[in-house]
Amino acid sequence: MSSDYPHARVHSTEDGQTIEYTIDGPQTIRQDGQQIPRLNVTEEMLLESGDDARSWLMYGGAYDQQRFTTADEITPENVSNLSLEYIVETEEEGTLEGTPVVVPSDPPIMYQTNGPDVLRAINARTGDVIWTYRYARDQQGPDEASAVWCCGSNNRGVAVLGDSLYMTTLDANLVAIDRYTGEQQWLYDSAPTGQGYSATWAPIVYDGSILNGSAGGEYGIRGFIESVDTTTGTREWRTWMTPEAQWVGDSWRRGAAPNWMSITVDADSDTLYANIGNPGPDVNGIVRPGPNVYSDSVVALDTESGDLEWYFQEVPHDWWDYDASTPPVLFDAEIYGENQRVVTHPGKDGWNYLLDAGDGKLYERSQEFCQHLNTWYLPQQTYDDSPWVMPSADGGSEWNPASYSRVTGNLHVKAMNYPSKFQWDADPEWNFPAQYLGGGFTVYPAMDDPGPAPDAWNGKVGLFSAVDPVTGEVVWQDEYDELSMGGSMSTTTGLTFTGNGSGEFIAYDSESGERLWQHQFDASVNASPMSWYDPGTGKQYVAVQAGGGGLRSPRNGNTVGVFSLRAGN
């Protein structure tokens, strides 16, 4: 099966997806009559992004990944009047999992990405597309293998600094793009195409460097985190996530442990916090004895050197594909009567962890935010011998980023809630490009004949929870009947927005969990919303992408929906 786009053809096989670029090199198409105002996006603007209602300058809104806006036009009292301002229909369908960024010029400019490898500049006041950039490699030799990946041709966003945008590509490259013209400036080859590496996350720019990761945990790669110079596109440092001295034998060579979502930064301490994925192979720990550090962990690195400061491993020696896959969230909280800088992270294992930002000490593991059943039961050699296990291999909390409300102190967590069966192969032979799983897993009801669902399962495949990360209490929870990925966004007025697989885009009361407003899209909303205030119109805007997603999405589509409200309306 293949899907054709204006610049690429994506092929789906039993081993995953591959991409064939059908144009020779990158392509930029500019629309007439649209201009981007000159505005230098400075490091100071990035540092203040989380408190500036007029902008959304990085994937999580700010370096702390709180996904919180200080724009205050939309309130619980008037959100019922929120209306659709405009839509942008992309030429690509079914790969919309990203978060746009908005630069606060006059008019504001939105930069929106989706797969495969597409970036648009949009007048955020009118919805007019200014230019469209489509990535493609220059023609390469016949021996060059294609990129391969497991879970959708996604692109989740860009980083911005000065006059440039920075975007990852499916074939594990990083490109710099002139944000006024849409022309490619340079390309950094992050990892060998054809060896299992890929990239779909939004990179983070900090102090003149691009903080970048790695993906491909199902393909025998060796995960890393690295820093790249924003001006030259040259590598500054790289830290491997499978340290040879701490893995048994040669298992480190294919040990995976990738970082495939956006990085969190504490600018006060020059520390980055990253979520690290599963060890490889996913479901056969026999070939990788030991805890497999730093897989399934939150790690803290020095941003200048890449030196490891600490790590906290949520699932040692993982057999269930329980990546630590969503970005960590940084905030201050009162712990034992003292104000502390903390990092919190909801895992695919179904619990939220609260950690000391300085040393990784565990303060609190939360109540479960999804169901648990036979958790930690080791895979058997056949599916028939394996019980249903919850969380499934999908999670728990997958890549979908959580939002933190500074109003309530709660973390809003999206979770998958259905069972899996696992089996491991006695002799896990592997040759690329087959997936390096060491066995297999399924989710209910994907198997041809899975048998009846477990009686203990409540049948709700999606859950959205408000979790107090300090006390560990699950404060409220909403249930969804269809798979629901994507993240959320909270506001200073006490609202939290998120979407679900049924196409509902919902505004909740952050404190009570009451649904106060919703809009029905034709496609699944498996992306993560964002917001900004435009002084030129006096309106607050909320944007979200509706168009399926890469992993078991119920409904594909191609819509960027932008909603607005002026206070007093």
Protein backbone atom coordinates (compact mmCIF):
# COMPACT_ATOMS: atom_id res chain seq x y z
CA MET A 1 0.00 0.00 0.00
CA SER A 2 1.31 3.46 -0.84
CA SER A 3 0.19 7.08 -0.47
CA ASP A 4 1.13 9.75 -2.98
CA TYR A 5 1.88 13.38 -2.06
CA PRO A 6 3.08 16.30 -4.22
CA HIS A 7 6.72 15.53 -3.38
CA ALA A 8 6.88 11.99 -2.03
CA ARG A 9 5.42 8.51 -2.05
CA VAL A 10 5.05 6.70 1.27
CA HIS A 11 4.98 2.90 1.12
CA SER A 12 3.47 0.80 3.93
CA THR A 13 4.72 -2.78 4.39
CA GLU A 14 4.65 -5.35 7.17
CA ASP A 15 8.04 -4.00 8.32
CA GLY A 16 6.89 -0.39 8.60
CA GLN A 17 6.86 2.59 6.24
CA THR A 18 9.40 3.86 3.73
CA ILE A 19 9.53 7.08 1.75
CA GLU A 20 10.41 7.71 -1.88
CA TYR A 21 11.00 11.38 -2.69
CA THR A 22 9.63 12.15 -6.15
CA ILE A 23 11.33 15.53 -6.58
CA ASP A 24 15.06 16.20 -6.78
CA GLY A 25 15.87 18.32 -3.74
CA PRO A 26 13.74 20.66 -1.61
CA GLN A 27 10.91 22.66 -3.15
CA THR A 28 9.41 25.97 -2.01
CA ILE A 29 6.20 27.38 -3.46
CA ARG A 30 5.34 31.01 -2.66
CA GLN A 31 1.92 32.60 -3.01
CA ASP A 32 1.64 36.10 -4.50
CA GLY A 33 0.68 39.11 -2.41
CA GLN A 34 1.67 37.72 0.99
CA GLN A 35 4.58 39.10 3.02
CA ILE A 36 6.14 38.15 6.35
CA PRO A 37 6.99 41.18 8.54
CA ARG A 38 10.60 41.44 9.65
CA LEU A 39 10.98 40.55 13.33
CA ASN A 40 14.13 39.09 14.84
CA VAL A 41 13.16 36.19 17.12
CA THR A 42 15.72 36.51 19.91
CA GLU A 43 16.83 34.14 22.64
CA GLU A 44 15.23 36.56 25.10
CA MET A 45 11.89 36.10 23.32
CA LEU A 46 12.28 32.34 23.58
CA LEU A 47 13.04 32.59 27.29
CA GLU A 48 9.88 34.68 27.82
CA SER A 49 7.65 32.69 25.48
CA GLY A 50 5.73 30.96 28.25
CA ASP A 51 4.64 34.30 29.71
CA ASP A 52 3.99 36.16 26.44
CA ALA A 53 0.31 35.85 25.51
CA ARG A 54 1.05 37.06 21.96
CA SER A 55 3.24 34.16 20.93
CA TRP A 56 3.78 30.40 20.94
CA LEU A 57 7.42 30.08 19.96
CA MET A 58 8.18 26.40 20.52
CA TYR A 59 6.51 23.01 20.57
CA GLY A 60 5.47 23.05 24.24
CA GLY A 61 4.93 26.81 24.40
CA ALA A 62 8.14 27.34 26.38
CA TYR A 63 11.29 25.55 27.48
CA ASP A 64 9.44 24.05 30.46
CA GLN A 65 7.01 22.18 28.14
CA GLN A 66 4.04 23.24 30.30
CA ARG A 67 1.82 23.93 27.25
CA PHE A 68 0.26 26.85 29.13
CA THR A 69 -0.88 30.22 27.74
CA THR A 70 -1.26 33.50 29.61
CA ALA A 71 -3.76 34.79 27.01
CA ASP A 72 -6.90 35.57 28.99
CA GLU A 73 -9.65 36.55 26.53
CA ILE A 74 -11.24 33.08 26.60
CA THR A 75 -12.67 32.20 30.02
CA PRO A 76 -14.94 29.52 31.49
CA GLU A 77 -17.73 32.08 31.40
CA ASN A 78 -17.46 32.96 27.68
CA VAL A 79 -15.87 29.89 26.08
CA SER A 80 -19.31 28.82 24.83
CA ASN A 81 -19.01 31.73 22.37
CA LEU A 82 -15.72 30.46 20.90
CA SER A 83 -16.18 30.16 17.13
CA LEU A 84 -14.29 28.90 14.11
CA GLU A 85 -12.29 31.79 12.60
CA TYR A 86 -10.89 29.91 9.61
CA ILE A 87 -9.53 26.57 8.46
CA VAL A 88 -6.46 25.70 6.42
CA GLU A 89 -6.71 22.52 4.36
CA THR A 90 -3.39 20.81 3.73
CA GLU A 91 -2.61 18.86 0.57
CA GLU A 92 -1.44 15.96 2.73
CA GLU A 93 -4.00 13.85 4.56
CA GLY A 94 -3.84 11.75 7.71
CA THR A 95 -0.48 12.78 9.15
CA LEU A 96 -1.35 15.76 11.35
CA GLU A 97 0.11 15.30 14.85
CA GLY A 98 1.98 18.58 15.26
CA THR A 99 1.74 21.88 17.10
CA PRO A 100 2.17 25.12 15.12
CA VAL A 101 4.35 27.98 16.37
CA VAL A 102 3.28 31.63 16.11
CA VAL A 103 5.68 34.59 15.84
CA PRO A 104 4.10 37.81 17.25
CA SER A 105 4.64 40.17 14.30
CA ASP A 106 1.92 42.31 12.70
CA PRO A 107 0.25 40.22 11.40
CA PRO A 108 1.32 37.19 13.46
CA ILE A 109 2.85 34.40 11.37
CA MET A 110 2.08 30.72 11.99
CA TYR A 111 4.49 27.98 10.98
CA GLN A 112 2.65 24.67 10.60
CA THR A 113 4.11 21.25 9.80
CA ASN A 114 2.73 17.86 8.88
CA GLY A 115 4.04 14.71 7.33
CA PRO A 116 5.69 13.83 5.16
CA ASP A 117 8.23 16.66 5.69
CA VAL A 118 6.04 19.68 4.87
CA LEU A 119 6.21 23.17 6.40
CA ARG A 120 3.89 26.13 5.74
CA ALA A 121 4.06 29.80 6.62
CA ILE A 122 0.55 31.14 7.25
CA ASN A 123 -0.84 34.59 7.99
CA ALA A 124 -2.23 33.73 11.42
CA ARG A 125 -4.78 36.56 11.24
CA THR A 126 -6.40 35.48 7.95
CA GLY A 127 -5.35 31.88 7.32
CA ASP A 128 -3.72 32.72 3.98
CA VAL A 129 -0.78 30.45 3.10
CA ILE A 130 2.34 32.50 2.33
CA TRP A 131 4.71 29.74 1.29
CA THR A 132 4.96 25.95 1.39
CA TYR A 133 8.25 24.09 1.79
CA ARG A 134 8.51 20.40 0.90
CA TYR A 135 11.65 18.56 1.85
CA ALA A 136 13.32 16.05 -0.41
CA ARG A 137 16.82 14.69 -0.56
CA ASP A 138 18.97 15.39 -3.55
CA GLN A 139 19.22 12.36 -5.80
CA GLN A 140 21.48 9.69 -4.32
CA GLY A 141 23.13 6.60 -5.63
CA PRO A 142 21.35 3.29 -6.27
CA ASP A 143 22.92 1.72 -3.17
CA GLU A 144 21.36 4.28 -0.83
CA ALA A 145 18.66 2.58 1.23
CA SER A 146 15.36 4.25 2.09
CA ALA A 147 14.42 5.56 5.50
CA VAL A 148 12.12 3.21 7.39
CA TRP A 149 9.94 3.87 10.41
CA CYS A 150 7.08 2.23 12.26
CA CYS A 151 4.34 4.65 13.15
CA GLY A 152 3.24 7.25 10.64
CA SER A 153 4.86 9.86 8.39
CA ASN A 154 4.47 12.60 10.98
CA ASN A 155 6.15 15.90 11.67
CA ARG A 156 5.29 17.52 14.99
CA GLY A 157 6.69 21.03 14.58
CA VAL A 158 9.62 23.41 14.18
CA ALA A 159 12.01 25.49 16.25
CA VAL A 160 12.59 29.18 15.48
CA LEU A 161 15.46 31.59 16.17
CA GLY A 162 16.37 34.81 14.39
CA ASP A 163 15.39 34.54 10.74
CA SER A 164 15.50 30.73 10.64
CA LEU A 165 13.29 27.72 11.25
CA TYR A 166 14.63 24.27 12.09
CA MET A 167 12.82 21.05 11.16
CA THR A 168 13.56 17.34 11.40
CA THR A 169 12.91 15.03 8.44
CA LEU A 170 11.74 11.45 8.13
CA ASP A 171 15.16 10.35 6.89
CA ALA A 172 16.77 11.58 10.13
CA ASN A 173 18.11 14.87 8.81
CA LEU A 174 17.81 18.37 10.26
CA VAL A 175 17.23 21.35 7.97
CA ALA A 176 17.42 25.12 8.45
CA ILE A 177 14.90 27.18 6.48
CA ASP A 178 14.68 30.94 5.92
CA ARG A 179 11.44 31.84 7.65
CA TYR A 180 10.71 34.76 5.28
CA THR A 181 11.29 32.99 1.97
CA GLY A 182 10.88 29.31 2.81
CA GLU A 183 14.23 28.46 1.17
CA GLN A 184 16.42 25.76 2.67
CA GLN A 185 19.66 27.15 4.15
CA TRP A 186 21.56 24.06 5.23
CA LEU A 187 21.11 20.33 5.92
CA TYR A 188 22.64 18.35 8.78
CA ASP A 189 22.84 14.59 8.32
CA SER A 190 22.01 13.36 11.82
CA ALA A 191 22.16 9.60 11.30
CA PRO A 192 22.70 7.10 8.48
CA THR A 193 19.70 6.75 6.21
CA GLY A 194 18.95 3.08 5.75
CA GLN A 195 20.04 1.96 9.22
CA GLY A 196 16.70 2.42 10.96
CA TYR A 197 16.96 6.04 12.08
CA SER A 198 14.11 8.47 11.48
CA ALA A 199 12.83 11.76 12.95
CA THR A 200 9.38 13.25 13.55
CA TRP A 201 9.73 15.53 16.61
CA ALA A 202 10.02 19.30 16.91
CA PRO A 203 13.63 20.23 17.77
CA ILE A 204 14.39 22.76 20.52
CA VAL A 205 16.72 25.76 20.09
CA TYR A 206 18.58 26.91 23.21
CA ASP A 207 21.53 29.29 23.56
CA GLY A 208 22.48 29.12 19.89
CA SER A 209 22.23 25.34 19.68
CA ILE A 210 19.63 22.90 18.38
CA LEU A 211 18.89 20.12 20.86
CA ASN A 212 18.11 17.07 18.78
CA GLY A 213 17.32 13.41 19.40
CA SER A 214 16.94 10.09 17.60
CA ALA A 215 14.14 7.71 16.65
CA GLY A 216 13.99 4.14 15.38
CA GLY A 217 13.66 2.04 18.54
CA GLU A 218 12.07 -0.79 16.55
CA TYR A 219 14.92 -1.05 14.03
CA GLY A 220 18.13 -1.91 15.87
CA ILE A 221 19.47 1.63 16.21
CA ARG A 222 21.58 3.08 19.00
CA GLY A 223 19.84 6.09 20.54
CA PHE A 224 21.47 9.44 21.22
CA ILE A 225 20.91 13.07 22.17
CA GLU A 226 22.99 15.74 20.45
CA SER A 227 23.59 19.47 20.05
CA VAL A 228 23.91 21.16 16.64
CA ASP A 229 25.10 24.72 15.92
CA THR A 230 22.21 26.85 14.62
CA THR A 231 24.41 28.87 12.26
CA THR A 232 26.56 26.22 10.62
CA GLY A 233 24.60 23.01 11.10
CA THR A 234 27.62 21.23 12.60
CA ARG A 235 27.49 18.86 15.55
CA GLU A 236 28.72 20.22 18.89
CA TRP A 237 28.31 17.09 21.03
CA ARG A 238 26.54 13.74 21.07
CA THR A 239 25.67 11.57 24.10
CA TRP A 240 24.79 7.92 23.49
CA MET A 241 21.88 6.46 25.43
CA THR A 242 23.30 2.90 25.48
CA PRO A 243 26.65 3.33 27.30
CA GLU A 244 28.88 0.43 26.29
CA ALA A 245 30.33 0.00 29.78
CA GLN A 246 26.86 -0.45 31.33
CA TRP A 247 25.33 -2.91 28.84
CA VAL A 248 26.19 -6.62 28.69
CA GLY A 249 28.20 -7.91 25.74
CA ASP A 250 27.38 -6.25 22.43
CA SER A 251 23.76 -5.50 23.32
CA TRP A 252 24.54 -1.76 23.39
CA ARG A 253 25.12 -1.75 19.63
CA ARG A 254 21.40 -2.27 18.89
CA GLY A 255 20.06 -1.26 22.27
CA ALA A 256 17.73 1.48 20.94
CA ALA A 257 16.86 3.83 23.88
CA PRO A 258 16.07 6.70 21.50
CA ASN A 259 14.86 10.19 22.37
CA TRP A 260 12.05 10.76 19.87
CA MET A 261 10.08 13.65 21.36
CA SER A 262 10.95 17.27 22.11
CA ILE A 263 13.41 18.13 24.87
CA THR A 264 12.71 20.19 28.01
CA VAL A 265 15.18 22.85 29.20
CA ASP A 266 15.82 24.58 32.52
CA ALA A 267 17.51 27.84 31.48
CA ASP A 268 18.42 28.65 35.11
CA SER A 269 20.71 25.62 35.37
CA ASP A 270 21.55 24.95 31.69
CA THR A 271 20.08 21.48 32.05
CA LEU A 272 18.02 19.54 29.52
CA TYR A 273 15.54 16.84 30.44
CA ALA A 274 14.73 14.17 27.87
CA ASN A 275 12.45 11.17 27.69
CA ILE A 276 14.16 7.99 26.52
CA GLY A 277 12.41 5.15 24.71
CA ASN A 278 12.41 1.37 24.83
CA PRO A 279 15.47 -0.87 24.77
CA GLY A 280 15.97 -3.06 21.70
CA PRO A 281 14.71 -5.56 20.94
CA ASP A 282 11.37 -4.42 22.37
CA VAL A 283 9.96 -7.66 23.81
CA ASN A 284 12.91 -9.99 24.28
CA GLY A 285 15.08 -9.04 27.22
CA ILE A 286 17.05 -12.29 27.07
CA VAL A 287 19.44 -10.85 24.49
CA ARG A 288 20.09 -7.70 26.58
CA PRO A 289 20.64 -8.71 30.22
CA GLY A 290 20.64 -6.10 32.97
CA PRO A 291 18.61 -2.93 33.55
CA ASN A 292 19.42 -1.48 30.10
CA VAL A 293 20.24 2.05 31.27
CA TYR A 294 19.06 4.69 30.15
CA SER A 295 16.10 3.14 28.37
CA ASP A 296 12.56 4.00 29.61
CA SER A 297 14.06 6.87 31.62
CA VAL A 298 14.01 10.59 32.15
CA VAL A 299 17.61 11.79 31.76
CA ALA A 300 19.18 15.14 32.69
CA LEU A 301 22.15 16.39 30.65
CA ASP A 302 24.28 19.52 30.73
CA THR A 303 23.27 21.60 27.69
CA GLU A 304 26.83 22.83 27.07
CA SER A 305 28.68 19.52 27.21
CA GLY A 306 26.06 16.78 26.99
CA ASP A 307 27.39 15.26 30.23
CA LEU A 308 24.88 13.14 32.13
CA GLU A 309 23.76 14.67 35.42
CA TRP A 310 21.23 12.03 36.50
CA TYR A 311 18.63 9.60 35.22
CA PHE A 312 15.46 8.06 36.61
CA GLN A 313 14.43 4.75 35.07
CA GLU A 314 10.70 4.06 35.13
CA VAL A 315 10.88 0.51 33.72
CA PRO A 316 14.21 -1.33 34.10
CA HIS A 317 14.80 -4.18 31.61
CA ASP A 318 11.59 -3.49 29.70
CA TRP A 319 9.75 -6.36 27.95
CA TRP A 320 6.54 -4.43 27.09
CA ASP A 321 7.66 -1.49 24.90
CA TYR A 322 7.01 0.96 27.75
CA ASP A 323 9.00 3.93 26.42
CA ALA A 324 9.27 7.12 28.40
CA SER A 325 7.90 8.89 25.35
CA THR A 326 6.21 12.18 26.26
CA PRO A 327 8.21 15.37 27.01
CA PRO A 328 8.97 15.93 30.73
CA VAL A 329 7.31 18.98 32.30
CA LEU A 330 9.27 21.42 34.51
CA PHE A 331 7.73 23.60 37.25
CA ASP A 332 8.14 24.78 40.85
CA ALA A 333 6.18 23.18 43.70
CA GLU A 334 6.08 23.07 47.46
CA ILE A 335 7.58 19.78 48.60
CA TYR A 336 7.87 19.00 52.32
CA GLY A 337 7.20 22.66 53.06
CA GLU A 338 9.92 24.01 50.76
CA ASN A 339 9.77 25.38 47.23
CA GLN A 340 11.49 22.96 44.83
CA ARG A 341 12.17 22.84 41.10
CA VAL A 342 10.65 19.56 39.92
CA VAL A 343 10.25 17.51 36.75
CA THR A 344 7.17 15.41 36.19
CA HIS A 345 6.60 12.70 33.61
CA PRO A 346 3.61 10.45 32.83
CA GLY A 347 4.82 7.07 31.61
CA LYS A 348 3.52 4.44 29.23
CA ASP A 349 3.37 2.25 32.33
CA GLY A 350 0.33 4.24 33.50
CA TRP A 351 1.71 6.27 36.42
CA ASN A 352 2.98 9.83 36.72
CA TYR A 353 6.38 10.43 38.33
CA LEU A 354 7.45 13.57 40.21
CA LEU A 355 11.23 14.02 40.35
CA ASP A 356 13.64 16.52 41.88
CA ALA A 357 15.02 18.57 38.98
CA GLY A 358 18.46 18.74 40.60
CA ASP A 359 19.20 15.09 41.30
CA GLY A 360 16.31 12.99 39.93
CA LYS A 361 15.07 11.91 43.37
CA LEU A 362 11.56 10.42 43.22
CA TYR A 363 9.08 12.41 45.28
CA GLU A 364 5.81 10.82 44.21
CA ARG A 365 4.39 8.11 41.96
CA SER A 366 0.76 8.90 41.23
CA GLN A 367 -2.36 6.84 41.33
CA GLU A 368 -2.94 4.99 38.07
CA PHE A 369 -4.32 7.15 35.25
CA CYS A 370 -5.23 4.08 33.18
CA GLN A 371 -6.14 0.51 34.03
CA HIS A 372 -3.56 -2.09 35.05
CA LEU A 373 -4.00 -5.81 34.44
CA ASN A 374 -1.28 -8.49 34.69
CA THR A 375 1.23 -5.65 34.55
CA TRP A 376 4.84 -6.92 34.54
CA TYR A 377 3.70 -10.40 33.42
CA LEU A 378 6.54 -11.52 31.14
CA PRO A 379 5.74 -12.30 27.48
CA GLN A 380 5.33 -15.96 26.64
CA GLN A 381 6.49 -17.78 23.51
CA THR A 382 3.01 -17.79 21.97
CA TYR A 383 0.07 -15.41 22.16
CA ASP A 384 -2.09 -18.32 23.37
CA ASP A 385 0.05 -18.69 26.49
CA SER A 386 0.15 -14.96 27.19
CA PRO A 387 -2.56 -13.24 29.24
CA TRP A 388 -3.99 -9.86 28.36
CA VAL A 389 -1.74 -7.16 29.81
CA MET A 390 -2.60 -3.54 30.63
CA PRO A 391 -1.31 -1.01 29.81
CA SER A 392 -0.84 -2.18 26.23
CA ALA A 393 2.32 -1.74 24.20
CA ASP A 394 0.86 1.63 23.16
CA GLY A 395 0.61 2.81 26.78
CA GLY A 396 -0.45 4.42 29.09
CA SER A 397 0.75 7.84 28.12
CA GLU A 398 2.33 7.58 24.68
CA TRP A 399 3.98 10.52 22.87
CA ASN A 400 1.01 12.82 23.56
CA PRO A 401 2.33 15.80 25.57
CA ALA A 402 0.73 16.73 28.89
CA SER A 403 -0.19 20.27 29.89
CA TYR A 404 0.37 21.79 33.33
CA SER A 405 -2.12 24.28 34.76
CA ARG A 406 -0.48 26.99 36.86
CA VAL A 407 -4.02 27.74 38.12
CA THR A 408 -4.87 24.31 39.59
CA GLY A 409 -1.41 22.73 39.82
CA ASN A 410 -2.71 19.71 37.90
CA LEU A 411 -1.09 17.86 35.01
CA HIS A 412 -3.47 16.87 32.20
CA VAL A 413 -2.59 13.45 30.82
CA LYS A 414 -3.95 11.63 27.76
CA ALA A 415 -3.76 7.84 27.97
CA MET A 416 -4.54 4.77 25.88
CA ASN A 417 -6.54 2.21 27.83
CA TYR A 418 -6.77 -1.21 26.21
CA PRO A 419 -4.97 -4.57 26.55
CA SER A 420 -2.10 -6.21 24.68
CA LYS A 421 -0.75 -9.72 24.30
CA PHE A 422 2.99 -10.26 23.95
CA GLN A 423 5.13 -13.13 22.67
CA TRP A 424 8.86 -13.55 22.33
CA ASP A 425 10.84 -15.53 19.76
CA ALA A 426 13.17 -18.25 21.01
CA ASP A 427 15.74 -17.44 18.34
CA PRO A 428 15.29 -13.79 17.38
CA GLU A 429 17.13 -13.60 14.09
CA TRP A 430 17.02 -10.15 12.56
CA ASN A 431 18.04 -8.44 9.37
CA PHE A 432 17.33 -4.81 8.57
CA PRO A 433 14.83 -3.49 7.44
CA ALA A 434 12.68 -5.92 9.38
CA GLN A 435 11.63 -4.62 12.79
CA TYR A 436 13.97 -5.64 15.62
CA LEU A 437 11.30 -6.71 18.11
CA GLY A 438 12.51 -10.13 19.27
CA GLY A 439 8.90 -11.24 19.18
CA GLY A 440 5.65 -9.42 18.78
CA PHE A 441 2.73 -7.72 20.43
CA THR A 442 -0.84 -6.93 19.53
CA VAL A 443 -3.58 -4.72 20.90
CA TYR A 444 -7.21 -5.64 21.32
CA PRO A 445 -8.95 -6.22 18.95
CA ALA A 446 -6.21 -6.12 16.30
CA MET A 447 -5.43 -9.86 16.32
CA ASP A 448 -7.28 -12.08 13.83
CA ASP A 449 -8.67 -14.16 16.67
CA PRO A 450 -7.73 -12.57 19.97
CA GLY A 451 -10.40 -14.25 22.03
CA PRO A 452 -12.69 -12.33 24.36
CA ALA A 453 -11.54 -9.11 25.93
CA PRO A 454 -10.67 -9.35 29.62
CA ASP A 455 -13.63 -8.87 31.95
CA ALA A 456 -11.64 -6.39 34.04
CA TRP A 457 -11.28 -3.95 31.13
CA ASN A 458 -13.87 -1.16 31.18
CA GLY A 459 -13.94 -0.94 27.37
CA LYS A 460 -12.96 2.74 27.27
CA VAL A 461 -9.99 2.98 24.92
CA GLY A 462 -9.08 6.60 25.73
CA LEU A 463 -8.76 8.45 29.05
CA PHE A 464 -8.04 12.09 29.80
CA SER A 465 -7.05 12.80 33.40
CA ALA A 466 -6.14 15.68 35.66
CA VAL A 467 -3.39 14.41 37.96
CA ASP A 468 -2.01 16.31 40.94
CA PRO A 469 1.70 15.52 40.47
CA VAL A 470 2.58 16.50 44.05
CA THR A 471 0.00 14.37 45.88
CA GLY A 472 -0.36 11.76 43.14
CA GLU A 473 -4.15 12.04 43.18
CA VAL A 474 -6.15 11.59 39.98
CA VAL A 475 -8.45 14.58 40.47
CA TRP A 476 -10.85 13.97 37.57
CA GLN A 477 -11.06 11.85 34.46
CA ASP A 478 -13.01 11.76 31.18
CA GLU A 479 -13.46 8.63 29.07
CA TYR A 480 -13.40 8.25 25.27
CA ASP A 481 -14.83 5.46 23.14
CA GLU A 482 -12.19 5.77 20.38
CA LEU A 483 -8.42 5.79 20.48
CA SER A 484 -7.22 9.24 21.42
CA MET A 485 -3.72 10.57 21.02
CA GLY A 486 -2.40 14.13 20.91
CA GLY A 487 -1.81 16.47 23.81
CA SER A 488 -3.53 19.30 25.61
CA MET A 489 -3.13 23.01 26.38
CA SER A 490 -4.14 24.88 29.56
CA THR A 491 -4.92 28.56 30.08
CA THR A 492 -4.44 31.15 32.78
CA THR A 493 -8.24 31.52 32.99
CA GLY A 494 -8.74 27.90 34.07
CA LEU A 495 -9.47 26.07 30.81
CA THR A 496 -7.86 22.99 29.30
CA PHE A 497 -8.26 22.12 25.61
CA THR A 498 -7.74 18.74 23.97
CA GLY A 499 -9.12 16.61 21.14
CA ASN A 500 -9.91 12.93 20.67
CA GLY A 501 -10.19 10.20 18.08
CA SER A 502 -13.90 10.82 17.58
CA GLY A 503 -13.11 14.28 16.22
CA GLU A 504 -14.24 16.16 19.30
CA PHE A 505 -12.21 19.24 20.24
CA ILE A 506 -13.11 20.03 23.84
CA ALA A 507 -12.63 22.84 26.37
CA TYR A 508 -12.72 21.57 29.96
CA ASP A 509 -12.95 23.43 33.22
CA SER A 510 -9.41 22.74 34.47
CA GLU A 511 -10.54 22.38 38.07
CA SER A 512 -13.68 20.28 37.75
CA GLY A 513 -13.26 18.48 34.42
CA GLU A 514 -16.66 19.71 33.21
CA ARG A 515 -16.99 19.98 29.43
CA LEU A 516 -17.74 23.64 28.75
CA TRP A 517 -17.49 23.73 24.92
CA GLN A 518 -16.68 21.47 22.02
CA HIS A 519 -16.37 21.49 18.25
CA GLN A 520 -16.89 18.45 16.04
CA PHE A 521 -14.30 17.81 13.32
CA ASP A 522 -14.79 15.24 10.56
CA ALA A 523 -11.32 13.83 11.30
CA SER A 524 -9.64 12.56 14.45
CA VAL A 525 -7.93 15.22 16.56
CA ASN A 526 -4.66 13.51 17.47
CA ALA A 527 -2.56 16.68 17.47
CA SER A 528 -1.81 19.11 20.31
CA PRO A 529 -3.47 22.56 20.53
CA MET A 530 -1.86 25.97 21.10
CA SER A 531 -3.00 29.57 21.58
CA TRP A 532 -2.01 33.22 21.11
CA TYR A 533 -3.44 36.74 21.50
CA ASP A 534 -3.38 39.16 18.55
CA PRO A 535 -3.34 42.85 19.65
CA GLY A 536 -4.27 43.83 16.11
CA THR A 537 -7.68 42.16 16.35
CA GLY A 538 -8.14 42.05 20.12
CA LYS A 539 -8.85 38.31 19.86
CA GLN A 540 -7.42 35.20 21.45
CA TYR A 541 -6.95 32.34 19.00
CA VAL A 542 -6.77 28.59 19.59
CA ALA A 543 -5.41 26.32 16.85
CA VAL A 544 -5.42 22.55 16.47
CA GLN A 545 -4.81 20.14 13.61
CA ALA A 546 -7.39 17.48 12.71
CA GLY A 547 -6.19 14.74 10.44
CA GLY A 548 -5.71 11.37 11.99
CA GLY A 549 -2.20 10.53 13.05
CA GLY A 550 0.24 7.72 12.65
CA LEU A 551 -0.90 5.11 15.14
CA ARG A 552 -4.30 3.39 14.76
CA SER A 553 -6.12 6.64 14.03
CA PRO A 554 -9.87 6.17 13.48
CA ARG A 555 -10.37 9.01 10.95
CA ASN A 556 -7.93 10.71 8.60
CA GLY A 557 -8.28 14.29 7.38
CA ASN A 558 -6.34 17.43 6.44
CA THR A 559 -7.62 20.39 8.48
CA VAL A 560 -5.95 23.04 10.61
CA GLY A 561 -8.77 24.63 12.60
CA VAL A 562 -8.32 28.09 14.14
CA PHE A 563 -10.89 29.39 16.65
CA SER A 564 -11.16 32.89 18.10
CA LEU A 565 -12.93 35.03 20.68
CA ARG A 566 -12.77 38.70 21.64
CA ALA A 567 -13.39 39.44 25.33
CA GLY A 568 -16.88 40.80 25.85
CA ASN A 569 -18.34 38.66 23.07
